[in-house]
Structure formats: C-alpha cells, structure tokens
C-alpha cells in the first residue's frame, strides 16, 4: 500500500475529489491549508489570497498510477494551478 499526499489549489477541489473517488476507497481532506513553495505563496491573506487544500489517500500499489496520471492531465488542463503529489510506503498496524 501507499499513502498519497496531494497538495492542490482550492480552485480544483471538485476535480481532485472526483479523481480520488474514481480510484480509491476513501480519503481524508484538509481545507484551507496555507504554505509557501516554489511558486506564489498560498496564505489566504490580503496580499496572497490563494489557498490550498490537501488530501491523504491510502491506496493499493496498482491504483496509485491512475491518480498520478489524472492529476498530470488536470495540471495540463489548468496551467498555473499547482498540484503536487507525494507518495510513501504505508503499513497498516491495526
């Protein structure tokens, strides 16, 4: 299993939820996440009004690629909108 951590601009929230629902059994979403990276800050402030959301998804190995490919297509569809996907191995303990 993998744990996917998806950080994305709030503007594509509905699209990300749709992608994950098609490819995973569930998710945990964090709304209104602030941060700075390589691009424009997303701080929800007067000067930097953009805001991010994050999603955690536990997914089987063979389904991970579907989400990665779909988010890449979404980035192409909405140039300038940031979407980052991070994965790590996951071991269920209970």
PDB file of N, CA and C in Angstrom:
ATOM      1  N   UNK A   1       0.833  -1.196   0.000  1.00  0.00           N
ATOM      2  CA  UNK A   1       0.000   0.000   0.000  1.00  0.00           C
ATOM      3  C   UNK A   1       0.870   1.247   0.000  1.00  0.00           C
ATOM      4  N   UNK A   2       0.279   2.316  -0.490  1.00  0.00           N
ATOM      5  CA  UNK A   2       0.922   3.616  -0.491  1.00  0.00           C
ATOM      6  C   UNK A   2       0.042   4.633   0.232  1.00  0.00           C
ATOM      7  N   UNK A   3       0.678   5.635   0.790  1.00  0.00           N
ATOM      8  CA  UNK A   3      -0.025   6.806   1.294  1.00  0.00           C
ATOM      9  C   UNK A   3       0.290   7.927   0.326  1.00  0.00           C
ATOM     10  N   UNK A   4      -0.740   8.466  -0.296  1.00  0.00           N
ATOM     11  CA  UNK A   4      -0.578   9.594  -1.203  1.00  0.00           C
ATOM     12  C   UNK A   4      -0.973  10.853  -0.453  1.00  0.00           C
ATOM     13  N   UNK A   5      -0.175  11.883  -0.616  1.00  0.00           N
ATOM     14  CA  UNK A   5      -0.452  13.193  -0.034  1.00  0.00           C
ATOM     15  C   UNK A   5      -0.519  14.160  -1.204  1.00  0.00           C
ATOM     16  N   UNK A   6      -1.702  14.696  -1.464  1.00  0.00           N
ATOM     17  CA  UNK A   6      -1.926  15.572  -2.614  1.00  0.00           C
ATOM     18  C   UNK A   6      -2.167  16.987  -2.102  1.00  0.00           C
ATOM     19  N   UNK A   7      -1.355  17.926  -2.559  1.00  0.00           N
ATOM     20  CA  UNK A   7      -1.495  19.339  -2.201  1.00  0.00           C
ATOM     21  C   UNK A   7      -1.898  20.062  -3.474  1.00  0.00           C
ATOM     22  N   UNK A   8      -2.996  20.835  -3.402  1.00  0.00           N
ATOM     23  CA  UNK A   8      -3.524  21.428  -4.624  1.00  0.00           C
ATOM     24  C   UNK A   8      -4.250  22.730  -4.329  1.00  0.00           C
ATOM     25  N   UNK A   9      -4.311  23.573  -5.348  1.00  0.00           N
ATOM     26  CA  UNK A   9      -5.012  24.845  -5.262  1.00  0.00           C
ATOM     27  C   UNK A   9      -6.505  24.587  -5.069  1.00  0.00           C
ATOM     28  N   UNK A  10      -7.105  25.314  -4.164  1.00  0.00           N
ATOM     29  CA  UNK A  10      -8.526  25.179  -3.861  1.00  0.00           C
ATOM     30  C   UNK A  10      -9.412  25.280  -5.111  1.00  0.00           C
ATOM     31  N   UNK A  11      -8.934  25.950  -6.140  1.00  0.00           N
ATOM     32  CA  UNK A  11      -9.722  26.144  -7.362  1.00  0.00           C
ATOM     33  C   UNK A  11     -10.067  24.831  -8.062  1.00  0.00           C
ATOM     34  N   UNK A  12      -9.278  23.768  -7.832  1.00  0.00           N
ATOM     35  CA  UNK A  12      -9.539  22.481  -8.490  1.00  0.00           C
ATOM     36  C   UNK A  12      -9.998  21.415  -7.490  1.00  0.00           C
ATOM     37  N   UNK A  13     -10.604  21.842  -6.410  1.00  0.00           N
ATOM     38  CA  UNK A  13     -11.034  20.896  -5.370  1.00  0.00           C
ATOM     39  C   UNK A  13     -12.002  19.842  -5.902  1.00  0.00           C
ATOM     40  N   UNK A  14     -13.025  20.261  -6.622  1.00  0.00           N
ATOM     41  CA  UNK A  14     -14.022  19.309  -7.130  1.00  0.00           C
ATOM     42  C   UNK A  14     -13.391  18.283  -8.064  1.00  0.00           C
ATOM     43  N   UNK A  15     -12.474  18.728  -8.893  1.00  0.00           N
ATOM     44  CA  UNK A  15     -11.811  17.826  -9.838  1.00  0.00           C
ATOM     45  C   UNK A  15     -10.931  16.798  -9.109  1.00  0.00           C
ATOM     46  N   UNK A  16     -10.207  17.252  -8.089  1.00  0.00           N
ATOM     47  CA  UNK A  16      -9.361  16.332  -7.325  1.00  0.00           C
ATOM     48  C   UNK A  16     -10.216  15.297  -6.597  1.00  0.00           C
ATOM     49  N   UNK A  17     -11.289  15.733  -5.973  1.00  0.00           N
ATOM     50  CA  UNK A  17     -12.186  14.804  -5.276  1.00  0.00           C
ATOM     51  C   UNK A  17     -12.716  13.759  -6.261  1.00  0.00           C
ATOM     52  N   UNK A  18     -13.114  14.179  -7.442  1.00  0.00           N
ATOM     53  CA  UNK A  18     -13.625  13.256  -8.457  1.00  0.00           C
ATOM     54  C   UNK A  18     -12.563  12.228  -8.848  1.00  0.00           C
ATOM     55  N   UNK A  19     -11.337  12.678  -9.071  1.00  0.00           N
ATOM     56  CA  UNK A  19     -10.239  11.767  -9.429  1.00  0.00           C
ATOM     57  C   UNK A  19     -10.033  10.724  -8.337  1.00  0.00           C
ATOM     58  N   UNK A  20      -9.970  11.176  -7.094  1.00  0.00           N
ATOM     59  CA  UNK A  20      -9.701  10.254  -5.991  1.00  0.00           C
ATOM     60  C   UNK A  20     -10.857   9.282  -5.798  1.00  0.00           C
ATOM     61  N   UNK A  21     -12.083   9.763  -5.893  1.00  0.00           N
ATOM     62  CA  UNK A  21     -13.244   8.882  -5.721  1.00  0.00           C
ATOM     63  C   UNK A  21     -13.286   7.777  -6.789  1.00  0.00           C
ATOM     64  N   UNK A  22     -12.812   8.067  -7.981  1.00  0.00           N
ATOM     65  CA  UNK A  22     -12.786   7.068  -9.051  1.00  0.00           C
ATOM     66  C   UNK A  22     -11.722   5.998  -8.815  1.00  0.00           C
ATOM     67  N   UNK A  23     -10.690   6.326  -8.041  1.00  0.00           N
ATOM     68  CA  UNK A  23      -9.518   5.451  -7.949  1.00  0.00           C
ATOM     69  C   UNK A  23      -9.200   4.918  -6.554  1.00  0.00           C
ATOM     70  N   UNK A  24      -9.888   5.390  -5.535  1.00  0.00           N
ATOM     71  CA  UNK A  24      -9.576   4.959  -4.166  1.00  0.00           C
ATOM     72  C   UNK A  24     -10.873   4.717  -3.401  1.00  0.00           C
ATOM     73  N   UNK A  25     -10.748   4.004  -2.305  1.00  0.00           N
ATOM     74  CA  UNK A  25     -11.911   3.683  -1.483  1.00  0.00           C
ATOM     75  C   UNK A  25     -12.300   4.801  -0.518  1.00  0.00           C
ATOM     76  N   UNK A  26     -11.423   5.765  -0.315  1.00  0.00           N
ATOM     77  CA  UNK A  26     -11.726   6.869   0.587  1.00  0.00           C
ATOM     78  C   UNK A  26     -10.565   7.844   0.649  1.00  0.00           C
ATOM     79  N   UNK A  27     -10.758   8.905   1.410  1.00  0.00           N
ATOM     80  CA  UNK A  27      -9.722   9.935   1.540  1.00  0.00           C
ATOM     81  C   UNK A  27      -9.980  10.742   2.798  1.00  0.00           C
ATOM     82  N   UNK A  28      -8.961  11.490   3.209  1.00  0.00           N
ATOM     83  CA  UNK A  28      -9.088  12.481   4.273  1.00  0.00           C
ATOM     84  C   UNK A  28      -8.647  13.803   3.677  1.00  0.00           C
ATOM     85  N   UNK A  29      -9.487  14.842   3.817  1.00  0.00           N
ATOM     86  CA  UNK A  29      -9.197  16.134   3.190  1.00  0.00           C
ATOM     87  C   UNK A  29      -9.009  17.205   4.251  1.00  0.00           C
ATOM     88  N   UNK A  30      -8.011  18.045   4.041  1.00  0.00           N
ATOM     89  CA  UNK A  30      -7.730  19.199   4.890  1.00  0.00           C
ATOM     90  C   UNK A  30      -8.010  20.450   4.060  1.00  0.00           C
ATOM     91  N   UNK A  31      -8.881  21.305   4.537  1.00  0.00           N
ATOM     92  CA  UNK A  31      -9.269  22.511   3.807  1.00  0.00           C
ATOM     93  C   UNK A  31      -8.522  23.735   4.313  1.00  0.00           C
ATOM     94  N   UNK A  32      -8.317  24.695   3.425  1.00  0.00           N
ATOM     95  CA  UNK A  32      -7.739  25.982   3.810  1.00  0.00           C
ATOM     96  C   UNK A  32      -6.320  25.906   4.314  1.00  0.00           C
ATOM     97  N   UNK A  33      -5.484  25.129   3.638  1.00  0.00           N
ATOM     98  CA  UNK A  33      -4.100  24.936   4.054  1.00  0.00           C
ATOM     99  C   UNK A  33      -3.238  26.051   3.473  1.00  0.00           C
ATOM    100  N   UNK A  34      -2.431  26.656   4.321  1.00  0.00           N
ATOM    101  CA  UNK A  34      -1.552  27.742   3.892  1.00  0.00           C
ATOM    102  C   UNK A  34      -0.130  27.223   3.719  1.00  0.00           C
ATOM    103  N   UNK A  35       0.622  27.856   2.813  1.00  0.00           N
ATOM    104  CA  UNK A  35       2.010  27.463   2.650  1.00  0.00           C
ATOM    105  C   UNK A  35       2.713  28.219   1.548  1.00  0.00           C
ATOM    106  N   UNK A  36       4.012  28.022   1.529  1.00  0.00           N
ATOM    107  CA  UNK A  36       4.868  28.610   0.501  1.00  0.00           C
ATOM    108  C   UNK A  36       5.743  27.523  -0.064  1.00  0.00           C
ATOM    109  N   UNK A  37       5.955  27.588  -1.366  1.00  0.00           N
ATOM    110  CA  UNK A  37       6.815  26.621  -2.040  1.00  0.00           C
ATOM    111  C   UNK A  37       7.627  27.328  -3.093  1.00  0.00           C
ATOM    112  N   UNK A  38       7.704  26.719  -4.267  1.00  0.00           N
ATOM    113  CA  UNK A  38       8.490  27.302  -5.352  1.00  0.00           C
ATOM    114  C   UNK A  38       7.740  28.367  -6.131  1.00  0.00           C
ATOM    115  N   UNK A  39       6.434  28.395  -5.995  1.00  0.00           N
ATOM    116  CA  UNK A  39       5.632  29.372  -6.724  1.00  0.00           C
ATOM    117  C   UNK A  39       5.111  30.450  -5.805  1.00  0.00           C
ATOM    118  N   UNK A  40       3.995  30.998  -6.187  1.00  0.00           N
ATOM    119  CA  UNK A  40       3.342  32.057  -5.407  1.00  0.00           C
ATOM    120  C   UNK A  40       2.853  31.499  -4.063  1.00  0.00           C
ATOM    121  N   UNK A  41       3.060  32.238  -2.969  1.00  0.00           N
ATOM    122  CA  UNK A  41       2.563  31.769  -1.670  1.00  0.00           C
ATOM    123  C   UNK A  41       1.043  31.626  -1.669  1.00  0.00           C
ATOM    124  N   UNK A  42       0.561  30.675  -0.924  1.00  0.00           N
ATOM    125  CA  UNK A  42      -0.872  30.446  -0.724  1.00  0.00           C
ATOM    126  C   UNK A  42      -1.141  30.646   0.758  1.00  0.00           C
ATOM    127  N   UNK A  43      -1.447  31.893   1.125  1.00  0.00           N
ATOM    128  CA  UNK A  43      -1.549  32.243   2.542  1.00  0.00           C
ATOM    129  C   UNK A  43      -2.940  32.700   2.956  1.00  0.00           C
ATOM    130  N   UNK A  44      -3.860  32.810   2.023  1.00  0.00           N
ATOM    131  CA  UNK A  44      -5.210  33.251   2.364  1.00  0.00           C
ATOM    132  C   UNK A  44      -5.248  34.646   2.963  1.00  0.00           C
ATOM    133  N   UNK A  45      -4.294  35.473   2.576  1.00  0.00           N
ATOM    134  CA  UNK A  45      -4.194  36.829   3.138  1.00  0.00           C
ATOM    135  C   UNK A  45      -4.603  37.864   2.094  1.00  0.00           C
ATOM    136  N   UNK A  46      -4.594  39.109   2.518  1.00  0.00           N
ATOM    137  CA  UNK A  46      -4.909  40.216   1.622  1.00  0.00           C
ATOM    138  C   UNK A  46      -3.945  40.260   0.435  1.00  0.00           C
ATOM    139  N   UNK A  47      -2.681  40.071   0.716  1.00  0.00           N
ATOM    140  CA  UNK A  47      -1.656  40.161  -0.319  1.00  0.00           C
ATOM    141  C   UNK A  47      -1.547  38.860  -1.113  1.00  0.00           C
ATOM    142  N   UNK A  48      -1.622  37.725  -0.436  1.00  0.00           N
ATOM    143  CA  UNK A  48      -1.532  36.406  -1.070  1.00  0.00           C
ATOM    144  C   UNK A  48      -2.838  35.645  -0.798  1.00  0.00           C
ATOM    145  N   UNK A  49      -3.896  35.928  -1.575  1.00  0.00           N
ATOM    146  CA  UNK A  49      -5.229  35.395  -1.256  1.00  0.00           C
ATOM    147  C   UNK A  49      -5.438  33.913  -1.581  1.00  0.00           C
ATOM    148  N   UNK A  50      -4.616  33.325  -2.421  1.00  0.00           N
ATOM    149  CA  UNK A  50      -4.814  31.918  -2.780  1.00  0.00           C
ATOM    150  C   UNK A  50      -4.685  31.021  -1.553  1.00  0.00           C
ATOM    151  N   UNK A  51      -5.345  29.861  -1.625  1.00  0.00           N
ATOM    152  CA  UNK A  51      -5.306  28.906  -0.523  1.00  0.00           C
ATOM    153  C   UNK A  51      -5.250  27.499  -1.120  1.00  0.00           C
ATOM    154  N   UNK A  52      -4.638  26.592  -0.403  1.00  0.00           N
ATOM    155  CA  UNK A  52      -4.535  25.202  -0.841  1.00  0.00           C
ATOM    156  C   UNK A  52      -5.458  24.301  -0.033  1.00  0.00           C
ATOM    157  N   UNK A  53      -5.674  23.127  -0.541  1.00  0.00           N
ATOM    158  CA  UNK A  53      -6.264  22.019   0.199  1.00  0.00           C
ATOM    159  C   UNK A  53      -5.281  20.866   0.111  1.00  0.00           C
ATOM    160  N   UNK A  54      -5.401  19.921   1.009  1.00  0.00           N
ATOM    161  CA  UNK A  54      -4.570  18.721   0.992  1.00  0.00           C
ATOM    162  C   UNK A  54      -5.465  17.509   1.136  1.00  0.00           C
ATOM    163  N   UNK A  55      -5.009  16.403   0.585  1.00  0.00           N
ATOM    164  CA  UNK A  55      -5.758  15.173   0.694  1.00  0.00           C
ATOM    165  C   UNK A  55      -4.796  14.026   0.964  1.00  0.00           C
ATOM    166  N   UNK A  56      -5.155  13.159   1.921  1.00  0.00           N
ATOM    167  CA  UNK A  56      -4.414  11.930   2.180  1.00  0.00           C
ATOM    168  C   UNK A  56      -5.245  10.766   1.662  1.00  0.00           C
ATOM    169  N   UNK A  57      -4.574   9.863   0.944  1.00  0.00           N
ATOM    170  CA  UNK A  57      -5.271   8.724   0.354  1.00  0.00           C
ATOM    171  C   UNK A  57      -4.423   7.473   0.573  1.00  0.00           C
ATOM    172  N   UNK A  58      -4.989   6.467   1.238  1.00  0.00           N
ATOM    173  CA  UNK A  58      -4.345   5.154   1.343  1.00  0.00           C
ATOM    174  C   UNK A  58      -4.820   4.349   0.139  1.00  0.00           C
ATOM    175  N   UNK A  59      -3.871   3.817  -0.625  1.00  0.00           N
ATOM    176  CA  UNK A  59      -4.245   3.193  -1.906  1.00  0.00           C
ATOM    177  C   UNK A  59      -3.363   1.993  -2.199  1.00  0.00           C
ATOM    178  N   UNK A  60      -3.942   1.035  -2.875  1.00  0.00           N
ATOM    179  CA  UNK A  60      -3.196  -0.147  -3.299  1.00  0.00           C
ATOM    180  C   UNK A  60      -2.173   0.247  -4.365  1.00  0.00           C
ATOM    181  N   UNK A  61      -1.082  -0.487  -4.408  1.00  0.00           N
ATOM    182  CA  UNK A  61       0.025  -0.176  -5.313  1.00  0.00           C
ATOM    183  C   UNK A  61      -0.401  -0.033  -6.766  1.00  0.00           C
ATOM    184  N   UNK A  62      -1.268  -0.912  -7.247  1.00  0.00           N
ATOM    185  CA  UNK A  62      -1.617  -0.899  -8.661  1.00  0.00           C
ATOM    186  C   UNK A  62      -2.565   0.238  -9.048  1.00  0.00           C
ATOM    187  N   UNK A  63      -3.113   0.988  -8.089  1.00  0.00           N
ATOM    188  CA  UNK A  63      -4.052   2.066  -8.391  1.00  0.00           C
ATOM    189  C   UNK A  63      -3.418   3.445  -8.242  1.00  0.00           C
ATOM    190  N   UNK A  64      -2.244   3.496  -7.691  1.00  0.00           N
ATOM    191  CA  UNK A  64      -1.559   4.766  -7.453  1.00  0.00           C
ATOM    192  C   UNK A  64      -1.299   5.527  -8.757  1.00  0.00           C
ATOM    193  N   UNK A  65      -0.883   4.821  -9.789  1.00  0.00           N
ATOM    194  CA  UNK A  65      -0.536   5.456 -11.062  1.00  0.00           C
ATOM    195  C   UNK A  65      -1.735   6.156 -11.697  1.00  0.00           C
ATOM    196  N   UNK A  66      -2.936   5.623 -11.500  1.00  0.00           N
ATOM    197  CA  UNK A  66      -4.134   6.251 -12.069  1.00  0.00           C
ATOM    198  C   UNK A  66      -4.314   7.675 -11.537  1.00  0.00           C
ATOM    199  N   UNK A  67      -4.108   7.851 -10.243  1.00  0.00           N
ATOM    200  CA  UNK A  67      -4.256   9.184  -9.645  1.00  0.00           C
ATOM    201  C   UNK A  67      -3.154  10.106 -10.139  1.00  0.00           C
ATOM    202  N   UNK A  68      -1.940   9.612 -10.223  1.00  0.00           N
ATOM    203  CA  UNK A  68      -0.818  10.434 -10.689  1.00  0.00           C
ATOM    204  C   UNK A  68      -1.068  10.902 -12.121  1.00  0.00           C
ATOM    205  N   UNK A  69      -1.474   9.995 -12.995  1.00  0.00           N
ATOM    206  CA  UNK A  69      -1.743  10.358 -14.395  1.00  0.00           C
ATOM    207  C   UNK A  69      -2.897  11.351 -14.510  1.00  0.00           C
ATOM    208  N   UNK A  70      -3.951  11.132 -13.741  1.00  0.00           N
ATOM    209  CA  UNK A  70      -5.115  12.033 -13.804  1.00  0.00           C
ATOM    210  C   UNK A  70      -4.772  13.430 -13.293  1.00  0.00           C
ATOM    211  N   UNK A  71      -3.943  13.533 -12.251  1.00  0.00           N
ATOM    212  CA  UNK A  71      -3.568  14.860 -11.756  1.00  0.00           C
ATOM    213  C   UNK A  71      -2.647  15.582 -12.747  1.00  0.00           C
ATOM    214  N   UNK A  72      -1.819  14.836 -13.454  1.00  0.00           N
ATOM    215  CA  UNK A  72      -0.985  15.455 -14.500  1.00  0.00           C
ATOM    216  C   UNK A  72      -1.855  16.044 -15.613  1.00  0.00           C
ATOM    217  N   UNK A  73      -2.878  15.304 -16.023  1.00  0.00           N
ATOM    218  CA  UNK A  73      -3.799  15.797 -17.049  1.00  0.00           C
ATOM    219  C   UNK A  73      -4.541  17.041 -16.562  1.00  0.00           C
ATOM    220  N   UNK A  74      -4.892  17.052 -15.278  1.00  0.00           N
ATOM    221  CA  UNK A  74      -5.581  18.209 -14.712  1.00  0.00           C
ATOM    222  C   UNK A  74      -4.674  19.433 -14.717  1.00  0.00           C
ATOM    223  N   UNK A  75      -3.396  19.237 -14.412  1.00  0.00           N
ATOM    224  CA  UNK A  75      -2.432  20.352 -14.473  1.00  0.00           C
ATOM    225  C   UNK A  75      -2.325  20.911 -15.892  1.00  0.00           C
ATOM    226  N   UNK A  76      -2.375  20.034 -16.887  1.00  0.00           N
ATOM    227  CA  UNK A  76      -2.325  20.482 -18.282  1.00  0.00           C
ATOM    228  C   UNK A  76      -3.587  21.261 -18.649  1.00  0.00           C
ATOM    229  N   UNK A  77      -4.706  20.837 -18.095  1.00  0.00           N
ATOM    230  CA  UNK A  77      -5.986  21.489 -18.373  1.00  0.00           C
ATOM    231  C   UNK A  77      -6.070  22.873 -17.731  1.00  0.00           C
ATOM    232  N   UNK A  78      -5.432  23.029 -16.570  1.00  0.00           N
ATOM    233  CA  UNK A  78      -5.448  24.297 -15.828  1.00  0.00           C
ATOM    234  C   UNK A  78      -4.018  24.771 -15.589  1.00  0.00           C
ATOM    235  N   UNK A  79      -3.354  25.321 -16.621  1.00  0.00           N
ATOM    236  CA  UNK A  79      -1.969  25.787 -16.439  1.00  0.00           C
ATOM    237  C   UNK A  79      -1.885  26.860 -15.352  1.00  0.00           C
ATOM    238  N   UNK A  80      -0.861  26.776 -14.544  1.00  0.00           N
ATOM    239  CA  UNK A  80      -0.668  27.758 -13.486  1.00  0.00           C
ATOM    240  C   UNK A  80      -1.282  27.349 -12.161  1.00  0.00           C
ATOM    241  N   UNK A  81      -2.125  26.337 -12.170  1.00  0.00           N
ATOM    242  CA  UNK A  81      -2.715  25.832 -10.928  1.00  0.00           C
ATOM    243  C   UNK A  81      -1.783  24.754 -10.394  1.00  0.00           C
ATOM    244  N   UNK A  82      -1.339  24.909  -9.166  1.00  0.00           N
ATOM    245  CA  UNK A  82      -0.396  23.959  -8.588  1.00  0.00           C
ATOM    246  C   UNK A  82      -1.074  22.715  -8.045  1.00  0.00           C
ATOM    247  N   UNK A  83      -0.515  21.569  -8.412  1.00  0.00           N
ATOM    248  CA  UNK A  83      -0.929  20.280  -7.869  1.00  0.00           C
ATOM    249  C   UNK A  83       0.343  19.479  -7.630  1.00  0.00           C
ATOM    250  N   UNK A  84       0.567  19.079  -6.401  1.00  0.00           N
ATOM    251  CA  UNK A  84       1.739  18.265  -6.065  1.00  0.00           C
ATOM    252  C   UNK A  84       1.260  16.963  -5.440  1.00  0.00           C
ATOM    253  N   UNK A  85       1.864  15.859  -5.871  1.00  0.00           N
ATOM    254  CA  UNK A  85       1.509  14.546  -5.341  1.00  0.00           C
ATOM    255  C   UNK A  85       2.772  13.912  -4.765  1.00  0.00           C
ATOM    256  N   UNK A  86       2.680  13.477  -3.520  1.00  0.00           N
ATOM    257  CA  UNK A  86       3.773  12.818  -2.823  1.00  0.00           C
ATOM    258  C   UNK A  86       3.293  11.427  -2.390  1.00  0.00           C
ATOM    259  N   UNK A  87       4.163  10.432  -2.472  1.00  0.00           N
ATOM    260  CA  UNK A  87       3.786   9.090  -2.030  1.00  0.00           C
ATOM    261  C   UNK A  87       4.860   8.515  -1.127  1.00  0.00           C
ATOM    262  N   UNK A  88       4.417   7.642  -0.250  1.00  0.00           N
ATOM    263  CA  UNK A  88       5.327   6.901   0.602  1.00  0.00           C
ATOM    264  C   UNK A  88       4.704   5.552   0.902  1.00  0.00           C
ATOM    265  N   UNK A  89       5.518   4.573   1.233  1.00  0.00           N
ATOM    266  CA  UNK A  89       5.001   3.256   1.578  1.00  0.00           C
ATOM    267  C   UNK A  89       4.167   3.356   2.848  1.00  0.00           C
ATOM    268  N   UNK A  90       3.175   2.489   2.933  1.00  0.00           N
ATOM    269  CA  UNK A  90       2.252   2.530   4.067  1.00  0.00           C
ATOM    270  C   UNK A  90       2.095   1.116   4.614  1.00  0.00           C
ATOM    271  N   UNK A  91       2.168   1.013   5.918  1.00  0.00           N
ATOM    272  CA  UNK A  91       1.972  -0.265   6.582  1.00  0.00           C
ATOM    273  C   UNK A  91       0.873  -0.086   7.618  1.00  0.00           C
ATOM    274  N   UNK A  92      -0.227  -0.821   7.473  1.00  0.00           N
ATOM    275  CA  UNK A  92      -1.335  -0.745   8.417  1.00  0.00           C
ATOM    276  C   UNK A  92      -0.949  -1.526   9.670  1.00  0.00           C
ATOM    277  N   UNK A  93      -1.135  -0.908  10.840  1.00  0.00           N
ATOM    278  CA  UNK A  93      -0.702  -1.547  12.082  1.00  0.00           C
ATOM    279  C   UNK A  93      -1.853  -2.090  12.928  1.00  0.00           C
ATOM    280  N   UNK A  94      -3.075  -1.770  12.619  1.00  0.00           N
ATOM    281  CA  UNK A  94      -4.198  -2.354  13.379  1.00  0.00           C
ATOM    282  C   UNK A  94      -5.422  -2.519  12.518  1.00  0.00           C
TER     283      UNK A  94
END
